[in-house]
Amino acid sequence: MNNNDNQDIKTMHLSDQALGALMMALQKSLLEQSDIVPVLKEFKLTEDDSGELVILNPPLFKVAHSDLEVLSEVAETPEG
């Protein structure tokens, strides 16, 4: 394929919302110790008015109060 063939390819970028949805999928897979691939394959994508990709069905997950306490403690711990 030469460079002239690329003129017919429409390029798009991920919106901030789509990047957030990807990060949520990663966090969910890490917390649940599950495979991220099925979540990513289920994403429904569309183009917004600015030409960026948006995910219509971002992942959702619940965090228990005890998990929030641990996360708060870690966030308050100084690094170094």
PDB file of N, CA and C in Angstrom:
ATOM      1  N   MET A   1       0.844  -1.171   0.000  1.00  0.00           N
ATOM      2  CA  MET A   1       0.000   0.000   0.000  1.00  0.00           C
ATOM      3  C   MET A   1       0.891   1.237   0.000  1.00  0.00           C
ATOM      4  N   ASN A   2       0.637   2.134  -0.885  1.00  0.00           N
ATOM      5  CA  ASN A   2       1.418   3.365  -0.905  1.00  0.00           C
ATOM      6  C   ASN A   2       0.666   4.477  -0.185  1.00  0.00           C
ATOM      7  N   ASN A   3       1.294   5.609  -0.004  1.00  0.00           N
ATOM      8  CA  ASN A   3       0.705   6.709   0.765  1.00  0.00           C
ATOM      9  C   ASN A   3      -0.555   7.277   0.124  1.00  0.00           C
ATOM     10  N   ASN A   4      -0.698   7.164  -1.185  1.00  0.00           N
ATOM     11  CA  ASN A   4      -1.899   7.679  -1.850  1.00  0.00           C
ATOM     12  C   ASN A   4      -3.142   6.910  -1.444  1.00  0.00           C
ATOM     13  N   ASP A   5      -3.000   5.631  -1.088  1.00  0.00           N
ATOM     14  CA  ASP A   5      -4.139   4.828  -0.671  1.00  0.00           C
ATOM     15  C   ASP A   5      -4.705   5.303   0.668  1.00  0.00           C
ATOM     16  N   ASN A   6      -3.894   5.948   1.498  1.00  0.00           N
ATOM     17  CA  ASN A   6      -4.337   6.398   2.809  1.00  0.00           C
ATOM     18  C   ASN A   6      -5.281   7.587   2.744  1.00  0.00           C
ATOM     19  N   GLN A   7      -5.419   8.227   1.602  1.00  0.00           N
ATOM     20  CA  GLN A   7      -6.284   9.385   1.483  1.00  0.00           C
ATOM     21  C   GLN A   7      -7.750   9.036   1.678  1.00  0.00           C
ATOM     22  N   ASP A   8      -8.128   7.788   1.457  1.00  0.00           N
ATOM     23  CA  ASP A   8      -9.510   7.366   1.616  1.00  0.00           C
ATOM     24  C   ASP A   8      -9.841   6.932   3.041  1.00  0.00           C
ATOM     25  N   ILE A   9      -8.864   6.876   3.922  1.00  0.00           N
ATOM     26  CA  ILE A   9      -9.076   6.419   5.291  1.00  0.00           C
ATOM     27  C   ILE A   9      -9.450   7.604   6.174  1.00  0.00           C
ATOM     28  N   LYS A  10     -10.590   7.486   6.843  1.00  0.00           N
ATOM     29  CA  LYS A  10     -11.018   8.536   7.768  1.00  0.00           C
ATOM     30  C   LYS A  10     -10.407   8.239   9.132  1.00  0.00           C
ATOM     31  N   THR A  11      -9.705   9.190   9.676  1.00  0.00           N
ATOM     32  CA  THR A  11      -9.115   9.005  10.998  1.00  0.00           C
ATOM     33  C   THR A  11      -9.967   9.732  12.033  1.00  0.00           C
ATOM     34  N   MET A  12     -10.030   9.143  13.221  1.00  0.00           N
ATOM     35  CA  MET A  12     -10.765   9.732  14.333  1.00  0.00           C
ATOM     36  C   MET A  12      -9.919   9.590  15.585  1.00  0.00           C
ATOM     37  N   HIS A  13     -10.267  10.378  16.583  1.00  0.00           N
ATOM     38  CA  HIS A  13      -9.582  10.328  17.868  1.00  0.00           C
ATOM     39  C   HIS A  13     -10.583   9.974  18.955  1.00  0.00           C
ATOM     40  N   LEU A  14     -10.072   9.442  20.048  1.00  0.00           N
ATOM     41  CA  LEU A  14     -10.923   9.147  21.190  1.00  0.00           C
ATOM     42  C   LEU A  14     -11.255  10.445  21.922  1.00  0.00           C
ATOM     43  N   SER A  15     -12.501  10.588  22.318  1.00  0.00           N
ATOM     44  CA  SER A  15     -12.903  11.732  23.133  1.00  0.00           C
ATOM     45  C   SER A  15     -12.409  11.509  24.564  1.00  0.00           C
ATOM     46  N   ASP A  16     -12.462  12.560  25.369  1.00  0.00           N
ATOM     47  CA  ASP A  16     -12.115  12.410  26.785  1.00  0.00           C
ATOM     48  C   ASP A  16     -13.045  11.396  27.444  1.00  0.00           C
ATOM     49  N   GLN A  17     -14.309  11.374  27.045  1.00  0.00           N
ATOM     50  CA  GLN A  17     -15.272  10.413  27.584  1.00  0.00           C
ATOM     51  C   GLN A  17     -14.854   8.991  27.246  1.00  0.00           C
ATOM     52  N   ALA A  18     -14.418   8.756  26.007  1.00  0.00           N
ATOM     53  CA  ALA A  18     -13.999   7.421  25.583  1.00  0.00           C
ATOM     54  C   ALA A  18     -12.733   6.990  26.335  1.00  0.00           C
ATOM     55  N   LEU A  19     -11.801   7.910  26.521  1.00  0.00           N
ATOM     56  CA  LEU A  19     -10.601   7.589  27.294  1.00  0.00           C
ATOM     57  C   LEU A  19     -10.967   7.229  28.731  1.00  0.00           C
ATOM     58  N   GLY A  20     -11.906   7.978  29.308  1.00  0.00           N
ATOM     59  CA  GLY A  20     -12.373   7.662  30.661  1.00  0.00           C
ATOM     60  C   GLY A  20     -13.027   6.299  30.729  1.00  0.00           C
ATOM     61  N   ALA A  21     -13.811   5.951  29.712  1.00  0.00           N
ATOM     62  CA  ALA A  21     -14.460   4.642  29.674  1.00  0.00           C
ATOM     63  C   ALA A  21     -13.428   3.523  29.569  1.00  0.00           C
ATOM     64  N   LEU A  22     -12.378   3.743  28.786  1.00  0.00           N
ATOM     65  CA  LEU A  22     -11.305   2.746  28.692  1.00  0.00           C
ATOM     66  C   LEU A  22     -10.597   2.571  30.032  1.00  0.00           C
ATOM     67  N   MET A  23     -10.359   3.680  30.709  1.00  0.00           N
ATOM     68  CA  MET A  23      -9.714   3.606  32.021  1.00  0.00           C
ATOM     69  C   MET A  23     -10.616   2.903  33.034  1.00  0.00           C
ATOM     70  N   MET A  24     -11.920   3.151  32.972  1.00  0.00           N
ATOM     71  CA  MET A  24     -12.860   2.460  33.860  1.00  0.00           C
ATOM     72  C   MET A  24     -12.855   0.961  33.580  1.00  0.00           C
ATOM     73  N   ALA A  25     -12.781   0.585  32.321  1.00  0.00           N
ATOM     74  CA  ALA A  25     -12.725  -0.828  31.964  1.00  0.00           C
ATOM     75  C   ALA A  25     -11.463  -1.473  32.535  1.00  0.00           C
ATOM     76  N   LEU A  26     -10.360  -0.761  32.454  1.00  0.00           N
ATOM     77  CA  LEU A  26      -9.111  -1.277  33.005  1.00  0.00           C
ATOM     78  C   LEU A  26      -9.204  -1.419  34.519  1.00  0.00           C
ATOM     79  N   GLN A  27      -9.717  -0.400  35.193  1.00  0.00           N
ATOM     80  CA  GLN A  27      -9.862  -0.469  36.650  1.00  0.00           C
ATOM     81  C   GLN A  27     -10.794  -1.610  37.055  1.00  0.00           C
ATOM     82  N   LYS A  28     -11.893  -1.765  36.321  1.00  0.00           N
ATOM     83  CA  LYS A  28     -12.850  -2.836  36.625  1.00  0.00           C
ATOM     84  C   LYS A  28     -12.190  -4.198  36.480  1.00  0.00           C
ATOM     85  N   SER A  29     -11.440  -4.395  35.416  1.00  0.00           N
ATOM     86  CA  SER A  29     -10.792  -5.696  35.202  1.00  0.00           C
ATOM     87  C   SER A  29      -9.736  -5.960  36.271  1.00  0.00           C
ATOM     88  N   LEU A  30      -9.042  -4.908  36.711  1.00  0.00           N
ATOM     89  CA  LEU A  30      -8.046  -5.081  37.769  1.00  0.00           C
ATOM     90  C   LEU A  30      -8.704  -5.401  39.107  1.00  0.00           C
ATOM     91  N   LEU A  31      -9.763  -4.651  39.453  1.00  0.00           N
ATOM     92  CA  LEU A  31     -10.447  -4.881  40.726  1.00  0.00           C
ATOM     93  C   LEU A  31     -11.107  -6.255  40.781  1.00  0.00           C
ATOM     94  N   GLU A  32     -11.706  -6.657  39.679  1.00  0.00           N
ATOM     95  CA  GLU A  32     -12.413  -7.939  39.635  1.00  0.00           C
ATOM     96  C   GLU A  32     -11.499  -9.083  39.212  1.00  0.00           C
ATOM     97  N   GLN A  33     -10.259  -8.767  38.882  1.00  0.00           N
ATOM     98  CA  GLN A  33      -9.300  -9.743  38.369  1.00  0.00           C
ATOM     99  C   GLN A  33      -9.928 -10.542  37.221  1.00  0.00           C
ATOM    100  N   SER A  34     -10.452  -9.795  36.252  1.00  0.00           N
ATOM    101  CA  SER A  34     -11.122 -10.408  35.109  1.00  0.00           C
ATOM    102  C   SER A  34     -10.480  -9.935  33.808  1.00  0.00           C
ATOM    103  N   ASP A  35     -10.829 -10.613  32.732  1.00  0.00           N
ATOM    104  CA  ASP A  35     -10.300 -10.300  31.412  1.00  0.00           C
ATOM    105  C   ASP A  35     -10.974  -9.039  30.868  1.00  0.00           C
ATOM    106  N   ILE A  36     -10.191  -8.102  30.387  1.00  0.00           N
ATOM    107  CA  ILE A  36     -10.722  -6.840  29.873  1.00  0.00           C
ATOM    108  C   ILE A  36     -11.261  -6.973  28.442  1.00  0.00           C
ATOM    109  N   VAL A  37     -10.824  -7.984  27.719  1.00  0.00           N
ATOM    110  CA  VAL A  37     -11.169  -8.119  26.300  1.00  0.00           C
ATOM    111  C   VAL A  37     -12.679  -8.175  26.060  1.00  0.00           C
ATOM    112  N   PRO A  38     -13.455  -8.984  26.799  1.00  0.00           N
ATOM    113  CA  PRO A  38     -14.906  -8.989  26.536  1.00  0.00           C
ATOM    114  C   PRO A  38     -15.558  -7.628  26.751  1.00  0.00           C
ATOM    115  N   VAL A  39     -15.089  -6.866  27.732  1.00  0.00           N
ATOM    116  CA  VAL A  39     -15.648  -5.534  27.982  1.00  0.00           C
ATOM    117  C   VAL A  39     -15.366  -4.625  26.787  1.00  0.00           C
ATOM    118  N   LEU A  40     -14.122  -4.658  26.308  1.00  0.00           N
ATOM    119  CA  LEU A  40     -13.754  -3.821  25.169  1.00  0.00           C
ATOM    120  C   LEU A  40     -14.521  -4.212  23.910  1.00  0.00           C
ATOM    121  N   LYS A  41     -14.729  -5.505  23.700  1.00  0.00           N
ATOM    122  CA  LYS A  41     -15.448  -5.970  22.506  1.00  0.00           C
ATOM    123  C   LYS A  41     -16.915  -5.558  22.523  1.00  0.00           C
ATOM    124  N   GLU A  42     -17.473  -5.340  23.712  1.00  0.00           N
ATOM    125  CA  GLU A  42     -18.881  -4.962  23.833  1.00  0.00           C
ATOM    126  C   GLU A  42     -19.108  -3.459  23.692  1.00  0.00           C
ATOM    127  N   PHE A  43     -18.040  -2.661  23.668  1.00  0.00           N
ATOM    128  CA  PHE A  43     -18.199  -1.214  23.545  1.00  0.00           C
ATOM    129  C   PHE A  43     -18.959  -0.866  22.273  1.00  0.00           C
ATOM    130  N   LYS A  44     -19.944   0.031  22.411  1.00  0.00           N
ATOM    131  CA  LYS A  44     -20.673   0.574  21.269  1.00  0.00           C
ATOM    132  C   LYS A  44     -20.139   1.983  21.049  1.00  0.00           C
ATOM    133  N   LEU A  45     -19.564   2.203  19.873  1.00  0.00           N
ATOM    134  CA  LEU A  45     -18.905   3.465  19.562  1.00  0.00           C
ATOM    135  C   LEU A  45     -19.739   4.289  18.586  1.00  0.00           C
ATOM    136  N   THR A  46     -19.656   5.602  18.752  1.00  0.00           N
ATOM    137  CA  THR A  46     -20.277   6.517  17.805  1.00  0.00           C
ATOM    138  C   THR A  46     -19.388   7.752  17.687  1.00  0.00           C
ATOM    139  N   GLU A  47     -19.655   8.529  16.688  1.00  0.00           N
ATOM    140  CA  GLU A  47     -18.893   9.755  16.471  1.00  0.00           C
ATOM    141  C   GLU A  47     -19.713  10.934  16.977  1.00  0.00           C
ATOM    142  N   ASP A  48     -19.072  11.814  17.753  1.00  0.00           N
ATOM    143  CA  ASP A  48     -19.785  12.995  18.236  1.00  0.00           C
ATOM    144  C   ASP A  48     -19.687  14.129  17.224  1.00  0.00           C
ATOM    145  N   ASP A  49     -20.242  15.282  17.561  1.00  0.00           N
ATOM    146  CA  ASP A  49     -20.285  16.432  16.644  1.00  0.00           C
ATOM    147  C   ASP A  49     -18.899  16.951  16.263  1.00  0.00           C
ATOM    148  N   SER A  50     -17.904  16.698  17.128  1.00  0.00           N
ATOM    149  CA  SER A  50     -16.551  17.187  16.838  1.00  0.00           C
ATOM    150  C   SER A  50     -15.709  16.156  16.096  1.00  0.00           C
ATOM    151  N   GLY A  51     -16.305  14.999  15.764  1.00  0.00           N
ATOM    152  CA  GLY A  51     -15.585  13.975  15.016  1.00  0.00           C
ATOM    153  C   GLY A  51     -14.798  13.018  15.874  1.00  0.00           C
ATOM    154  N   GLU A  52     -14.989  13.072  17.202  1.00  0.00           N
ATOM    155  CA  GLU A  52     -14.282  12.159  18.096  1.00  0.00           C
ATOM    156  C   GLU A  52     -15.173  10.973  18.443  1.00  0.00           C
ATOM    157  N   LEU A  53     -14.541   9.864  18.806  1.00  0.00           N
ATOM    158  CA  LEU A  53     -15.288   8.676  19.188  1.00  0.00           C
ATOM    159  C   LEU A  53     -15.791   8.793  20.619  1.00  0.00           C
ATOM    160  N   VAL A  54     -17.020   8.345  20.824  1.00  0.00           N
ATOM    161  CA  VAL A  54     -17.652   8.321  22.135  1.00  0.00           C
ATOM    162  C   VAL A  54     -18.143   6.901  22.375  1.00  0.00           C
ATOM    163  N   ILE A  55     -18.042   6.425  23.617  1.00  0.00           N
ATOM    164  CA  ILE A  55     -18.520   5.090  23.975  1.00  0.00           C
ATOM    165  C   ILE A  55     -19.905   5.239  24.591  1.00  0.00           C
ATOM    166  N   LEU A  56     -20.900   4.585  23.977  1.00  0.00           N
ATOM    167  CA  LEU A  56     -22.282   4.710  24.412  1.00  0.00           C
ATOM    168  C   LEU A  56     -22.599   3.879  25.647  1.00  0.00           C
ATOM    169  N   ASN A  57     -21.820   2.841  25.907  1.00  0.00           N
ATOM    170  CA  ASN A  57     -22.089   1.954  27.036  1.00  0.00           C
ATOM    171  C   ASN A  57     -20.839   1.766  27.904  1.00  0.00           C
ATOM    172  N   PRO A  58     -20.396   2.828  28.585  1.00  0.00           N
ATOM    173  CA  PRO A  58     -19.206   2.698  29.428  1.00  0.00           C
ATOM    174  C   PRO A  58     -19.447   1.699  30.553  1.00  0.00           C
ATOM    175  N   PRO A  59     -18.385   1.053  31.034  1.00  0.00           N
ATOM    176  CA  PRO A  59     -18.551   0.050  32.090  1.00  0.00           C
ATOM    177  C   PRO A  59     -18.924   0.697  33.425  1.00  0.00           C
ATOM    178  N   LEU A  60     -19.669  -0.038  34.213  1.00  0.00           N
ATOM    179  CA  LEU A  60     -20.056   0.390  35.549  1.00  0.00           C
ATOM    180  C   LEU A  60     -19.595  -0.658  36.541  1.00  0.00           C
ATOM    181  N   PHE A  61     -19.216  -0.221  37.714  1.00  0.00           N
ATOM    182  CA  PHE A  61     -18.931  -1.163  38.782  1.00  0.00           C
ATOM    183  C   PHE A  61     -19.147  -0.495  40.116  1.00  0.00           C
ATOM    184  N   LYS A  62     -19.408  -1.320  41.135  1.00  0.00           N
ATOM    185  CA  LYS A  62     -19.684  -0.806  42.468  1.00  0.00           C
ATOM    186  C   LYS A  62     -18.460  -1.028  43.346  1.00  0.00           C
ATOM    187  N   VAL A  63     -18.266  -0.097  44.275  1.00  0.00           N
ATOM    188  CA  VAL A  63     -17.177  -0.194  45.234  1.00  0.00           C
ATOM    189  C   VAL A  63     -17.792  -0.215  46.621  1.00  0.00           C
ATOM    190  N   ALA A  64     -17.381  -1.172  47.444  1.00  0.00           N
ATOM    191  CA  ALA A  64     -17.890  -1.282  48.806  1.00  0.00           C
ATOM    192  C   ALA A  64     -17.302  -0.178  49.682  1.00  0.00           C
ATOM    193  N   HIS A  65     -17.988   0.149  50.771  1.00  0.00           N
ATOM    194  CA  HIS A  65     -17.493   1.187  51.692  1.00  0.00           C
ATOM    195  C   HIS A  65     -16.106   0.843  52.223  1.00  0.00           C
ATOM    196  N   SER A  66     -15.863  -0.432  52.500  1.00  0.00           N
ATOM    197  CA  SER A  66     -14.543  -0.822  53.015  1.00  0.00           C
ATOM    198  C   SER A  66     -13.460  -0.568  51.976  1.00  0.00           C
ATOM    199  N   ASP A  67     -13.786  -0.763  50.718  1.00  0.00           N
ATOM    200  CA  ASP A  67     -12.825  -0.473  49.647  1.00  0.00           C
ATOM    201  C   ASP A  67     -12.551   1.023  49.562  1.00  0.00           C
ATOM    202  N   LEU A  68     -13.577   1.847  49.777  1.00  0.00           N
ATOM    203  CA  LEU A  68     -13.395   3.289  49.735  1.00  0.00           C
ATOM    204  C   LEU A  68     -12.477   3.758  50.857  1.00  0.00           C
ATOM    205  N   GLU A  69     -12.602   3.131  52.030  1.00  0.00           N
ATOM    206  CA  GLU A  69     -11.734   3.487  53.152  1.00  0.00           C
ATOM    207  C   GLU A  69     -10.282   3.189  52.822  1.00  0.00           C
ATOM    208  N   VAL A  70     -10.027   2.033  52.226  1.00  0.00           N
ATOM    209  CA  VAL A  70      -8.665   1.656  51.852  1.00  0.00           C
ATOM    210  C   VAL A  70      -8.120   2.623  50.803  1.00  0.00           C
ATOM    211  N   LEU A  71      -8.944   2.938  49.806  1.00  0.00           N
ATOM    212  CA  LEU A  71      -8.503   3.863  48.766  1.00  0.00           C
ATOM    213  C   LEU A  71      -8.216   5.251  49.344  1.00  0.00           C
ATOM    214  N   SER A  72      -9.017   5.699  50.287  1.00  0.00           N
ATOM    215  CA  SER A  72      -8.785   6.995  50.923  1.00  0.00           C
ATOM    216  C   SER A  72      -7.482   7.008  51.691  1.00  0.00           C
ATOM    217  N   GLU A  73      -7.213   5.910  52.418  1.00  0.00           N
ATOM    218  CA  GLU A  73      -5.964   5.819  53.181  1.00  0.00           C
ATOM    219  C   GLU A  73      -4.758   5.852  52.258  1.00  0.00           C
ATOM    220  N   VAL A  74      -4.855   5.142  51.149  1.00  0.00           N
ATOM    221  CA  VAL A  74      -3.736   5.121  50.193  1.00  0.00           C
ATOM    222  C   VAL A  74      -3.532   6.498  49.591  1.00  0.00           C
ATOM    223  N   ALA A  75      -4.631   7.193  49.290  1.00  0.00           N
ATOM    224  CA  ALA A  75      -4.523   8.527  48.687  1.00  0.00           C
ATOM    225  C   ALA A  75      -3.905   9.527  49.646  1.00  0.00           C
ATOM    226  N   GLU A  76      -4.113   9.329  50.954  1.00  0.00           N
ATOM    227  CA  GLU A  76      -3.580  10.252  51.946  1.00  0.00           C
ATOM    228  C   GLU A  76      -2.151   9.945  52.354  1.00  0.00           C
ATOM    229  N   THR A  77      -1.633   8.773  51.991  1.00  0.00           N
ATOM    230  CA  THR A  77      -0.285   8.377  52.356  1.00  0.00           C
ATOM    231  C   THR A  77       0.720   9.124  51.477  1.00  0.00           C
ATOM    232  N   PRO A  78       1.673   9.835  52.117  1.00  0.00           N
ATOM    233  CA  PRO A  78       2.683  10.538  51.310  1.00  0.00           C
ATOM    234  C   PRO A  78       3.616   9.549  50.607  1.00  0.00           C
ATOM    235  N   GLU A  79       3.943   9.887  49.366  1.00  0.00           N
ATOM    236  CA  GLU A  79       4.852   9.034  48.595  1.00  0.00           C
ATOM    237  C   GLU A  79       6.284   9.360  48.966  1.00  0.00           C
ATOM    238  N   GLY A  80       7.147   8.331  48.863  1.00  0.00           N
ATOM    239  CA  GLY A  80       8.555   8.604  48.999  1.00  0.00           C
ATOM    240  C   GLY A  80       9.108   8.008  50.179  1.00  0.00           C
TER     241      GLY A  80
END
